[in-house]
Structure formats: structure tokens, C-alpha cells
Amino acid sequence: MGFLRQQEIRAAMRFLQWQYEKQQMPLPAAERLGQQAERIVDEAHRIAKERGQNVIAIMKELANEIRKK
């Protein structure tokens, strides 16, 4: 796994943690949180490729959607 991808996953994990804390929801296990973050990064890259949008903005939107599930 490349350095930039690792950084994106870490950023997504931090954002997810913040969202869970903000909503006063219990944090999932670290492994589950990592899986959610990886899905966010993958989906953000796919959307960015299609639409040419900013990956970080897309990751935030996806994190909000995943947290709600």
C-alpha cells in the first residue's frame, strides 16, 4: 500500500472517529473502522475519477453516509 493511500485511510479514520464522537455513538472496533475508511477512500477515488471532484470532499460525504448505516 502506497504512502498517500495510507494517509488517506488515516484521514478517513480520524474523520469517522470524529463523526462517531460528535453523534455520541460508540466507536466500532479498530478493524471495522479501518474497513469503513478503506471503503470511503476507494469510493472517493472512483467518484473523483468520474466527476473530477476533490477526493477529500468526497471522503467526508461518504463517511457521513457510512456512519448513518
PDB file of N, CA and C in Angstrom:
ATOM      1  N   MET A   1       0.846  -1.165   0.000  1.00  0.00           N
ATOM      2  CA  MET A   1       0.000   0.000   0.000  1.00  0.00           C
ATOM      3  C   MET A   1       0.894   1.231   0.000  1.00  0.00           C
ATOM      4  N   GLY A   2       0.572   2.179  -0.867  1.00  0.00           N
ATOM      5  CA  GLY A   2       1.390   3.369  -1.007  1.00  0.00           C
ATOM      6  C   GLY A   2       1.210   4.353   0.144  1.00  0.00           C
ATOM      7  N   PHE A   3       2.180   5.238   0.244  1.00  0.00           N
ATOM      8  CA  PHE A   3       2.189   6.224   1.322  1.00  0.00           C
ATOM      9  C   PHE A   3       0.951   7.115   1.276  1.00  0.00           C
ATOM     10  N   LEU A   4       0.596   7.628   0.107  1.00  0.00           N
ATOM     11  CA  LEU A   4      -0.555   8.527   0.006  1.00  0.00           C
ATOM     12  C   LEU A   4      -1.854   7.811   0.374  1.00  0.00           C
ATOM     13  N   ARG A   5      -1.994   6.584  -0.065  1.00  0.00           N
ATOM     14  CA  ARG A   5      -3.207   5.821   0.277  1.00  0.00           C
ATOM     15  C   ARG A   5      -3.300   5.607   1.780  1.00  0.00           C
ATOM     16  N   GLN A   6      -2.184   5.293   2.417  1.00  0.00           N
ATOM     17  CA  GLN A   6      -2.183   5.121   3.870  1.00  0.00           C
ATOM     18  C   GLN A   6      -2.621   6.415   4.559  1.00  0.00           C
ATOM     19  N   GLN A   7      -2.135   7.542   4.058  1.00  0.00           N
ATOM     20  CA  GLN A   7      -2.503   8.827   4.640  1.00  0.00           C
ATOM     21  C   GLN A   7      -3.990   9.115   4.449  1.00  0.00           C
ATOM     22  N   GLU A   8      -4.528   8.766   3.283  1.00  0.00           N
ATOM     23  CA  GLU A   8      -5.952   8.966   3.024  1.00  0.00           C
ATOM     24  C   GLU A   8      -6.795   8.099   3.957  1.00  0.00           C
ATOM     25  N   ILE A   9      -6.373   6.868   4.164  1.00  0.00           N
ATOM     26  CA  ILE A   9      -7.103   5.968   5.059  1.00  0.00           C
ATOM     27  C   ILE A   9      -7.048   6.486   6.492  1.00  0.00           C
ATOM     28  N   ARG A  10      -5.892   6.942   6.919  1.00  0.00           N
ATOM     29  CA  ARG A  10      -5.779   7.510   8.274  1.00  0.00           C
ATOM     30  C   ARG A  10      -6.669   8.734   8.432  1.00  0.00           C
ATOM     31  N   ALA A  11      -6.696   9.584   7.413  1.00  0.00           N
ATOM     32  CA  ALA A  11      -7.551  10.771   7.465  1.00  0.00           C
ATOM     33  C   ALA A  11      -9.019  10.368   7.535  1.00  0.00           C
ATOM     34  N   ALA A  12      -9.407   9.378   6.758  1.00  0.00           N
ATOM     35  CA  ALA A  12     -10.789   8.901   6.780  1.00  0.00           C
ATOM     36  C   ALA A  12     -11.129   8.308   8.145  1.00  0.00           C
ATOM     37  N   MET A  13     -10.204   7.594   8.744  1.00  0.00           N
ATOM     38  CA  MET A  13     -10.435   7.016  10.066  1.00  0.00           C
ATOM     39  C   MET A  13     -10.616   8.113  11.110  1.00  0.00           C
ATOM     40  N   ARG A  14      -9.778   9.140  11.056  1.00  0.00           N
ATOM     41  CA  ARG A  14      -9.911  10.252  12.003  1.00  0.00           C
ATOM     42  C   ARG A  14     -11.257  10.947  11.828  1.00  0.00           C
ATOM     43  N   PHE A  15     -11.654  11.137  10.573  1.00  0.00           N
ATOM     44  CA  PHE A  15     -12.922  11.785  10.316  1.00  0.00           C
ATOM     45  C   PHE A  15     -14.082  10.930  10.831  1.00  0.00           C
ATOM     46  N   LEU A  16     -14.025   9.630  10.596  1.00  0.00           N
ATOM     47  CA  LEU A  16     -15.063   8.734  11.099  1.00  0.00           C
ATOM     48  C   LEU A  16     -15.134   8.766  12.627  1.00  0.00           C
ATOM     49  N   GLN A  17     -13.969   8.731  13.274  1.00  0.00           N
ATOM     50  CA  GLN A  17     -13.938   8.787  14.734  1.00  0.00           C
ATOM     51  C   GLN A  17     -14.593  10.072  15.234  1.00  0.00           C
ATOM     52  N   TRP A  18     -14.272  11.170  14.594  1.00  0.00           N
ATOM     53  CA  TRP A  18     -14.842  12.460  14.973  1.00  0.00           C
ATOM     54  C   TRP A  18     -16.357  12.440  14.797  1.00  0.00           C
ATOM     55  N   GLN A  19     -16.824  11.868  13.680  1.00  0.00           N
ATOM     56  CA  GLN A  19     -18.262  11.792  13.426  1.00  0.00           C
ATOM     57  C   GLN A  19     -18.965  10.932  14.473  1.00  0.00           C
ATOM     58  N   TYR A  20     -18.380   9.798  14.825  1.00  0.00           N
ATOM     59  CA  TYR A  20     -18.978   8.949  15.853  1.00  0.00           C
ATOM     60  C   TYR A  20     -19.047   9.688  17.191  1.00  0.00           C
ATOM     61  N   GLU A  21     -17.958  10.361  17.557  1.00  0.00           N
ATOM     62  CA  GLU A  21     -17.932  11.094  18.824  1.00  0.00           C
ATOM     63  C   GLU A  21     -18.938  12.242  18.806  1.00  0.00           C
ATOM     64  N   LYS A  22     -19.019  12.926  17.702  1.00  0.00           N
ATOM     65  CA  LYS A  22     -19.948  14.053  17.567  1.00  0.00           C
ATOM     66  C   LYS A  22     -21.393  13.589  17.744  1.00  0.00           C
ATOM     67  N   GLN A  23     -21.719  12.424  17.224  1.00  0.00           N
ATOM     68  CA  GLN A  23     -23.064  11.864  17.324  1.00  0.00           C
ATOM     69  C   GLN A  23     -23.263  11.063  18.612  1.00  0.00           C
ATOM     70  N   GLN A  24     -22.237  11.030  19.461  1.00  0.00           N
ATOM     71  CA  GLN A  24     -22.254  10.294  20.723  1.00  0.00           C
ATOM     72  C   GLN A  24     -22.606   8.824  20.508  1.00  0.00           C
ATOM     73  N   MET A  25     -21.998   8.259  19.467  1.00  0.00           N
ATOM     74  CA  MET A  25     -22.180   6.848  19.146  1.00  0.00           C
ATOM     75  C   MET A  25     -20.918   6.097  19.546  1.00  0.00           C
ATOM     76  N   PRO A  26     -21.045   4.846  19.968  1.00  0.00           N
ATOM     77  CA  PRO A  26     -19.842   4.079  20.313  1.00  0.00           C
ATOM     78  C   PRO A  26     -18.995   3.813  19.057  1.00  0.00           C
ATOM     79  N   LEU A  27     -17.695   3.892  19.244  1.00  0.00           N
ATOM     80  CA  LEU A  27     -16.781   3.604  18.131  1.00  0.00           C
ATOM     81  C   LEU A  27     -16.793   2.105  17.842  1.00  0.00           C
ATOM     82  N   PRO A  28     -16.796   1.727  16.571  1.00  0.00           N
ATOM     83  CA  PRO A  28     -16.661   0.304  16.253  1.00  0.00           C
ATOM     84  C   PRO A  28     -15.227  -0.150  16.526  1.00  0.00           C
ATOM     85  N   ALA A  29     -15.007  -1.419  16.463  1.00  0.00           N
ATOM     86  CA  ALA A  29     -13.654  -1.964  16.642  1.00  0.00           C
ATOM     87  C   ALA A  29     -12.718  -1.344  15.605  1.00  0.00           C
ATOM     88  N   ALA A  30     -11.441  -1.279  15.936  1.00  0.00           N
ATOM     89  CA  ALA A  30     -10.450  -0.648  15.053  1.00  0.00           C
ATOM     90  C   ALA A  30     -10.450  -1.297  13.669  1.00  0.00           C
ATOM     91  N   GLU A  31     -10.591  -2.610  13.627  1.00  0.00           N
ATOM     92  CA  GLU A  31     -10.598  -3.312  12.336  1.00  0.00           C
ATOM     93  C   GLU A  31     -11.794  -2.872  11.492  1.00  0.00           C
ATOM     94  N   ARG A  32     -12.961  -2.765  12.122  1.00  0.00           N
ATOM     95  CA  ARG A  32     -14.176  -2.350  11.414  1.00  0.00           C
ATOM     96  C   ARG A  32     -14.049  -0.902  10.943  1.00  0.00           C
ATOM     97  N   LEU A  33     -13.486  -0.050  11.775  1.00  0.00           N
ATOM     98  CA  LEU A  33     -13.283   1.353  11.419  1.00  0.00           C
ATOM     99  C   LEU A  33     -12.324   1.453  10.233  1.00  0.00           C
ATOM    100  N   GLY A  34     -11.279   0.630  10.234  1.00  0.00           N
ATOM    101  CA  GLY A  34     -10.325   0.604   9.128  1.00  0.00           C
ATOM    102  C   GLY A  34     -10.979   0.160   7.828  1.00  0.00           C
ATOM    103  N   GLN A  35     -11.863  -0.820   7.923  1.00  0.00           N
ATOM    104  CA  GLN A  35     -12.578  -1.285   6.733  1.00  0.00           C
ATOM    105  C   GLN A  35     -13.485  -0.198   6.183  1.00  0.00           C
ATOM    106  N   GLN A  36     -14.162   0.515   7.067  1.00  0.00           N
ATOM    107  CA  GLN A  36     -15.022   1.615   6.635  1.00  0.00           C
ATOM    108  C   GLN A  36     -14.189   2.694   5.953  1.00  0.00           C
ATOM    109  N   ALA A  37     -13.038   3.001   6.526  1.00  0.00           N
ATOM    110  CA  ALA A  37     -12.168   4.026   5.960  1.00  0.00           C
ATOM    111  C   ALA A  37     -11.658   3.615   4.579  1.00  0.00           C
ATOM    112  N   GLU A  38     -11.283   2.360   4.423  1.00  0.00           N
ATOM    113  CA  GLU A  38     -10.812   1.882   3.123  1.00  0.00           C
ATOM    114  C   GLU A  38     -11.915   1.975   2.068  1.00  0.00           C
ATOM    115  N   ARG A  39     -13.141   1.616   2.461  1.00  0.00           N
ATOM    116  CA  ARG A  39     -14.261   1.740   1.527  1.00  0.00           C
ATOM    117  C   ARG A  39     -14.485   3.187   1.115  1.00  0.00           C
ATOM    118  N   ILE A  40     -14.368   4.090   2.071  1.00  0.00           N
ATOM    119  CA  ILE A  40     -14.539   5.515   1.783  1.00  0.00           C
ATOM    120  C   ILE A  40     -13.498   5.981   0.777  1.00  0.00           C
ATOM    121  N   VAL A  41     -12.254   5.614   1.004  1.00  0.00           N
ATOM    122  CA  VAL A  41     -11.167   6.033   0.113  1.00  0.00           C
ATOM    123  C   VAL A  41     -11.367   5.450  -1.284  1.00  0.00           C
ATOM    124  N   ASP A  42     -11.697   4.176  -1.369  1.00  0.00           N
ATOM    125  CA  ASP A  42     -11.928   3.540  -2.672  1.00  0.00           C
ATOM    126  C   ASP A  42     -13.055   4.229  -3.438  1.00  0.00           C
ATOM    127  N   GLU A  43     -14.154   4.444  -2.744  1.00  0.00           N
ATOM    128  CA  GLU A  43     -15.318   5.064  -3.382  1.00  0.00           C
ATOM    129  C   GLU A  43     -15.021   6.520  -3.764  1.00  0.00           C
ATOM    130  N   ALA A  44     -14.299   7.234  -2.914  1.00  0.00           N
ATOM    131  CA  ALA A  44     -13.945   8.630  -3.207  1.00  0.00           C
ATOM    132  C   ALA A  44     -13.088   8.712  -4.474  1.00  0.00           C
ATOM    133  N   HIS A  45     -12.165   7.790  -4.627  1.00  0.00           N
ATOM    134  CA  HIS A  45     -11.322   7.794  -5.825  1.00  0.00           C
ATOM    135  C   HIS A  45     -12.129   7.461  -7.071  1.00  0.00           C
ATOM    136  N   ARG A  46     -13.059   6.529  -6.935  1.00  0.00           N
ATOM    137  CA  ARG A  46     -13.903   6.179  -8.070  1.00  0.00           C
ATOM    138  C   ARG A  46     -14.758   7.372  -8.497  1.00  0.00           C
ATOM    139  N   ILE A  47     -15.358   8.036  -7.539  1.00  0.00           N
ATOM    140  CA  ILE A  47     -16.204   9.194  -7.843  1.00  0.00           C
ATOM    141  C   ILE A  47     -15.370  10.339  -8.405  1.00  0.00           C
ATOM    142  N   ALA A  48     -14.209  10.574  -7.815  1.00  0.00           N
ATOM    143  CA  ALA A  48     -13.348  11.656  -8.291  1.00  0.00           C
ATOM    144  C   ALA A  48     -12.911  11.416  -9.732  1.00  0.00           C
ATOM    145  N   LYS A  49     -12.655  10.178 -10.054  1.00  0.00           N
ATOM    146  CA  LYS A  49     -12.255   9.834 -11.417  1.00  0.00           C
ATOM    147  C   LYS A  49     -13.386  10.124 -12.397  1.00  0.00           C
ATOM    148  N   GLU A  50     -14.623   9.804 -12.006  1.00  0.00           N
ATOM    149  CA  GLU A  50     -15.781  10.034 -12.866  1.00  0.00           C
ATOM    150  C   GLU A  50     -16.128  11.517 -12.997  1.00  0.00           C
ATOM    151  N   ARG A  51     -16.091  12.223 -11.874  1.00  0.00           N
ATOM    152  CA  ARG A  51     -16.590  13.598 -11.838  1.00  0.00           C
ATOM    153  C   ARG A  51     -15.513  14.666 -11.789  1.00  0.00           C
ATOM    154  N   GLY A  52     -14.300  14.265 -11.454  1.00  0.00           N
ATOM    155  CA  GLY A  52     -13.217  15.237 -11.360  1.00  0.00           C
ATOM    156  C   GLY A  52     -13.309  16.110 -10.121  1.00  0.00           C
ATOM    157  N   GLN A  53     -13.898  15.579  -9.050  1.00  0.00           N
ATOM    158  CA  GLN A  53     -14.036  16.338  -7.820  1.00  0.00           C
ATOM    159  C   GLN A  53     -12.865  16.084  -6.878  1.00  0.00           C
ATOM    160  N   ASN A  54     -12.841  16.850  -5.808  1.00  0.00           N
ATOM    161  CA  ASN A  54     -11.828  16.746  -4.779  1.00  0.00           C
ATOM    162  C   ASN A  54     -12.050  15.470  -3.962  1.00  0.00           C
ATOM    163  N   VAL A  55     -11.025  14.644  -3.825  1.00  0.00           N
ATOM    164  CA  VAL A  55     -11.126  13.363  -3.122  1.00  0.00           C
ATOM    165  C   VAL A  55     -11.469  13.565  -1.651  1.00  0.00           C
ATOM    166  N   ILE A  56     -10.888  14.548  -0.997  1.00  0.00           N
ATOM    167  CA  ILE A  56     -11.140  14.774   0.430  1.00  0.00           C
ATOM    168  C   ILE A  56     -12.603  15.145   0.671  1.00  0.00           C
ATOM    169  N   ALA A  57     -13.164  16.015  -0.150  1.00  0.00           N
ATOM    170  CA  ALA A  57     -14.574  16.403  -0.001  1.00  0.00           C
ATOM    171  C   ALA A  57     -15.480  15.192  -0.187  1.00  0.00           C
ATOM    172  N   ILE A  58     -15.161  14.361  -1.144  1.00  0.00           N
ATOM    173  CA  ILE A  58     -15.951  13.153  -1.391  1.00  0.00           C
ATOM    174  C   ILE A  58     -15.838  12.201  -0.206  1.00  0.00           C
ATOM    175  N   MET A  59     -14.638  12.068   0.366  1.00  0.00           N
ATOM    176  CA  MET A  59     -14.438  11.189   1.512  1.00  0.00           C
ATOM    177  C   MET A  59     -15.312  11.630   2.684  1.00  0.00           C
ATOM    178  N   LYS A  60     -15.420  12.927   2.913  1.00  0.00           N
ATOM    179  CA  LYS A  60     -16.258  13.433   4.000  1.00  0.00           C
ATOM    180  C   LYS A  60     -17.720  13.062   3.775  1.00  0.00           C
ATOM    181  N   GLU A  61     -18.191  13.239   2.555  1.00  0.00           N
ATOM    182  CA  GLU A  61     -19.584  12.885   2.243  1.00  0.00           C
ATOM    183  C   GLU A  61     -19.829  11.396   2.466  1.00  0.00           C
ATOM    184  N   LEU A  62     -18.909  10.581   1.994  1.00  0.00           N
ATOM    185  CA  LEU A  62     -19.067   9.129   2.133  1.00  0.00           C
ATOM    186  C   LEU A  62     -18.994   8.688   3.595  1.00  0.00           C
ATOM    187  N   ALA A  63     -18.140   9.332   4.374  1.00  0.00           N
ATOM    188  CA  ALA A  63     -18.031   8.990   5.802  1.00  0.00           C
ATOM    189  C   ALA A  63     -19.352   9.265   6.511  1.00  0.00           C
ATOM    190  N   ASN A  64     -19.988  10.357   6.153  1.00  0.00           N
ATOM    191  CA  ASN A  64     -21.282  10.665   6.758  1.00  0.00           C
ATOM    192  C   ASN A  64     -22.310   9.611   6.399  1.00  0.00           C
ATOM    193  N   GLU A  65     -22.306   9.155   5.163  1.00  0.00           N
ATOM    194  CA  GLU A  65     -23.259   8.138   4.723  1.00  0.00           C
ATOM    195  C   GLU A  65     -23.008   6.793   5.389  1.00  0.00           C
ATOM    196  N   ILE A  66     -21.754   6.387   5.485  1.00  0.00           N
ATOM    197  CA  ILE A  66     -21.415   5.092   6.085  1.00  0.00           C
ATOM    198  C   ILE A  66     -21.741   5.100   7.564  1.00  0.00           C
ATOM    199  N   ARG A  67     -21.477   6.195   8.241  1.00  0.00           N
ATOM    200  CA  ARG A  67     -21.741   6.293   9.672  1.00  0.00           C
ATOM    201  C   ARG A  67     -23.224   6.113   9.963  1.00  0.00           C
ATOM    202  N   LYS A  68     -24.076   6.589   9.057  1.00  0.00           N
ATOM    203  CA  LYS A  68     -25.520   6.515   9.251  1.00  0.00           C
ATOM    204  C   LYS A  68     -26.059   5.108   9.074  1.00  0.00           C
ATOM    205  N   LYS A  69     -25.310   4.234   8.404  1.00  0.00           N
ATOM    206  CA  LYS A  69     -25.787   2.860   8.157  1.00  0.00           C
ATOM    207  C   LYS A  69     -25.679   2.004   9.380  1.00  0.00           C
TER     208      LYS A  69
END
